[in-house]
Protein backbone atom coordinates (compact mmCIF):
# COMPACT_ATOMS: atom_id res chain seq x y z
CA MET A 1 0.08 -0.25 0.20
CA ASN A 2 1.37 3.34 -1.10
CA HIS A 3 1.66 6.32 1.01
CA GLU A 4 -0.79 8.36 -0.31
CA THR A 5 -3.65 5.00 -0.54
CA THR A 6 -2.73 4.51 3.51
CA LYS A 7 -3.63 8.84 3.42
CA LYS A 8 -7.03 8.52 1.70
CA THR A 9 -7.31 5.19 3.69
CA ILE A 10 -7.42 7.31 7.18
CA GLU A 11 -9.18 9.69 6.06
CA GLU A 12 -12.44 7.56 5.27
CA LEU A 13 -11.56 5.66 8.42
CA LEU A 14 -11.40 8.99 10.33
CA SER A 15 -14.90 10.18 8.42
CA ALA A 16 -16.76 7.40 8.82
CA MET A 17 -16.17 7.32 12.60
CA GLY A 18 -17.41 11.22 12.70
CA VAL A 19 -14.44 12.26 13.68
CA ARG A 20 -13.65 16.37 12.63
CA PHE A 21 -10.09 16.19 11.31
CA THR A 22 -8.54 19.38 9.30
CA ALA A 23 -5.64 17.58 8.05
CA VAL A 24 -3.87 14.10 7.23
CA ASN A 25 0.05 14.55 6.46
CA TYR A 26 2.87 11.96 5.52
CA ALA A 27 6.24 12.67 7.08
CA GLY A 28 8.77 10.77 5.91
CA SER A 29 12.56 10.57 6.38
CA PRO A 30 15.00 8.58 3.90
CA GLY A 31 16.65 6.21 5.74
CA VAL A 32 13.89 5.74 8.43
CA SER A 33 12.22 2.44 8.15
CA HIS A 34 9.12 3.93 9.77
CA VAL A 35 7.06 6.81 8.18
CA CYS A 36 4.72 8.83 10.52
CA PHE A 37 0.99 9.93 9.20
CA THR A 38 -0.05 12.91 11.06
CA ILE A 39 -3.93 13.77 12.06
CA GLU A 40 -4.29 17.38 12.97
CA SER A 41 -7.60 17.04 14.47
CA ASP A 42 -9.67 19.18 17.09
CA ASP A 43 -11.23 16.16 18.34
CA SER A 44 -7.60 14.63 19.68
CA ALA A 45 -8.91 13.48 23.51
CA LEU A 46 -10.75 11.67 21.49
CA LEU A 47 -8.54 9.69 18.77
CA ILE A 48 -5.77 9.45 21.67
CA GLY A 49 -7.42 8.27 24.52
CA GLY A 50 -6.28 7.73 27.93
CA LYS A 51 -2.65 7.12 28.08
CA GLY A 52 -2.83 6.77 24.04
CA GLU A 53 -5.04 3.84 23.80
CA ASN A 54 -7.57 5.01 21.31
CA LEU A 55 -4.50 6.04 19.10
CA GLY A 56 -2.75 2.45 19.40
CA ALA A 57 -5.87 1.10 18.48
CA LEU A 58 -5.95 3.47 15.93
CA ASN A 59 -2.31 2.10 14.40
CA TYR A 60 -3.64 -1.41 15.15
CA VAL A 61 -6.86 -0.97 12.71
CA VAL A 62 -4.99 1.54 9.85
CA ARG A 63 -2.09 -1.27 9.98
CA LYS A 64 -4.74 -4.15 9.40
CA ILE A 65 -6.37 -2.73 6.25
CA ALA A 66 -2.80 -1.53 5.04
CA ALA A 67 -1.68 -5.47 5.63
CA LYS A 68 -4.87 -6.64 3.34
CA ALA A 69 -4.31 -4.26 0.88
CA ALA A 70 -1.18 -4.71 0.65
CA GLY A 71 -2.25 -8.84 -0.52
CA PRO A 72 -0.54 -11.55 1.25
CA GLY A 73 2.79 -11.77 -0.78
CA ALA A 74 3.76 -8.35 0.75
CA GLY A 75 5.90 -8.04 2.90
CA LYS A 76 6.02 -6.56 6.65
CA ASP A 77 8.02 -3.79 5.55
CA THR A 78 4.71 -2.32 3.42
CA VAL A 79 2.65 -1.64 6.72
CA LYS A 80 5.92 0.28 9.11
CA PHE A 81 4.22 3.07 9.75
CA PHE A 82 1.98 4.67 12.42
CA VAL A 83 -0.34 7.33 13.00
CA ASP A 84 0.18 10.57 15.44
CA VAL A 85 -1.85 12.84 16.42
CA ASN A 86 -1.32 16.70 16.99
CA GLY A 87 1.75 15.58 17.61
CA TYR A 88 1.14 13.33 20.91
CA HIS A 89 3.46 10.74 20.05
CA ALA A 90 6.18 13.15 19.73
CA LYS A 91 5.72 14.39 23.10
CA ALA A 92 5.72 10.25 24.11
CA LEU A 93 9.01 9.60 23.01
CA ASP A 94 10.49 13.13 24.66
CA SER A 95 9.04 12.31 27.84
CA ILE A 96 10.15 8.70 27.86
CA LYS A 97 13.58 9.69 27.03
CA THR A 98 13.57 12.22 29.88
CA LYS A 99 12.44 9.30 32.25
CA ALA A 100 14.92 6.91 31.09
CA GLN A 101 17.53 9.91 31.72
CA ILE A 102 15.86 10.98 34.96
CA MET A 103 16.22 7.28 35.84
CA SER A 104 19.23 6.30 35.13
CA GLU A 105 21.11 9.16 36.97
CA ARG A 106 19.27 7.87 40.44
CA ALA A 107 20.46 4.38 39.81
CA ARG A 108 24.17 6.09 39.32
CA SER A 109 23.49 8.47 42.14
CA PHE A 110 22.32 5.47 44.79
CA LYS A 111 23.67 2.63 42.56
CA VAL A 112 20.69 0.48 43.18
CA ASP A 113 18.37 -0.93 40.27
CA ILE A 114 15.46 1.32 39.26
CA GLU A 115 11.88 -0.29 38.62
CA LEU A 116 10.14 1.35 35.77
CA GLU A 117 5.95 1.29 35.80
CA PRO A 118 4.46 -1.24 33.30
CA MET A 119 4.33 0.31 29.37
CA SER A 120 4.37 -1.09 26.08
CA SER A 121 6.67 -3.26 24.21
CA TYR A 122 7.47 -0.14 21.55
CA GLU A 123 7.90 2.36 25.05
CA ARG A 124 10.49 -0.65 26.72
CA MET A 125 12.34 -0.59 23.40
CA LEU A 126 12.95 3.06 23.31
CA ILE A 127 14.13 3.14 26.67
CA HIS A 128 16.42 -0.44 26.10
CA SER A 129 17.62 1.66 23.07
CA TYR A 130 18.17 4.93 24.16
CA LEU A 131 20.16 3.73 27.68
CA GLU A 132 22.08 1.05 25.63
CA GLY A 133 25.39 2.75 25.09
CA ALA A 134 25.47 3.66 29.24
CA PRO A 135 28.69 2.17 30.18
CA ASP A 136 27.23 1.43 33.99
CA ILE A 137 23.53 1.12 33.32
CA LYS A 138 22.02 -2.10 31.97
CA THR A 139 18.41 -2.21 31.38
CA GLU A 140 16.25 -5.56 31.65
CA SER A 141 12.72 -6.33 31.26
CA VAL A 142 10.32 -8.14 33.62
CA GLY A 143 7.46 -9.15 34.01
CA GLU A 144 4.32 -10.97 31.61
CA GLY A 145 1.46 -9.16 29.72
CA PRO A 146 0.51 -5.89 30.44
CA ALA A 147 2.43 -5.59 33.74
CA ARG A 148 5.71 -5.90 32.37
CA ARG A 149 8.57 -3.42 32.78
CA ILE A 150 11.83 -2.09 32.89
CA VAL A 151 14.76 -2.25 35.68
CA ILE A 152 17.22 -0.20 35.39
CA LYS A 153 20.36 -1.35 36.76
CA TYR A 154 23.46 0.14 38.41
CA VAL A 155 26.27 -2.33 37.12
CA GLY A 156 29.40 0.36 37.46
CA GLY A 157 30.98 -0.92 40.38
CA SER A 158 30.04 -2.86 43.83
CA ALA A 159 27.92 -0.97 46.06
CA GLY A 160 30.29 -0.14 48.74
CA GLU A 161 32.99 1.33 46.40
CA GLU A 162 34.31 4.88 47.01
CA LEU A 163 34.09 7.60 44.52
């Protein structure tokens, strides 16, 4: 499914849902595997939902439609995109990175493991990636299903070590 067709699908879906929107735009970058379709809407609270749950469901539905339209022979790359509403996704990513930075600093300062609240697999992947290069921090996912979360571990030396 090409980008114009996906954009049209999103517009038709929003219209069928009775959601008012100003525009649906395509934003892609060369070399980036995931592209973004941004929806500009005054009904953003309805589209985003609590903690982004409605937006997650909208993404799921649009990806399923795109996969079906692409046909059985199409690879997974044909549905590598996400839908954002009024920049919610970008703000959420910044918030996740900030939280990872603050909590990793806390783990370093107190030389303890810091357990974060449960989050989606995508959010966990972002934190793992963001902290991947830290020489004294290790991340680990623990728990099952919706209770799965990240533990940020300090691995920079023994707890009794003097600074």
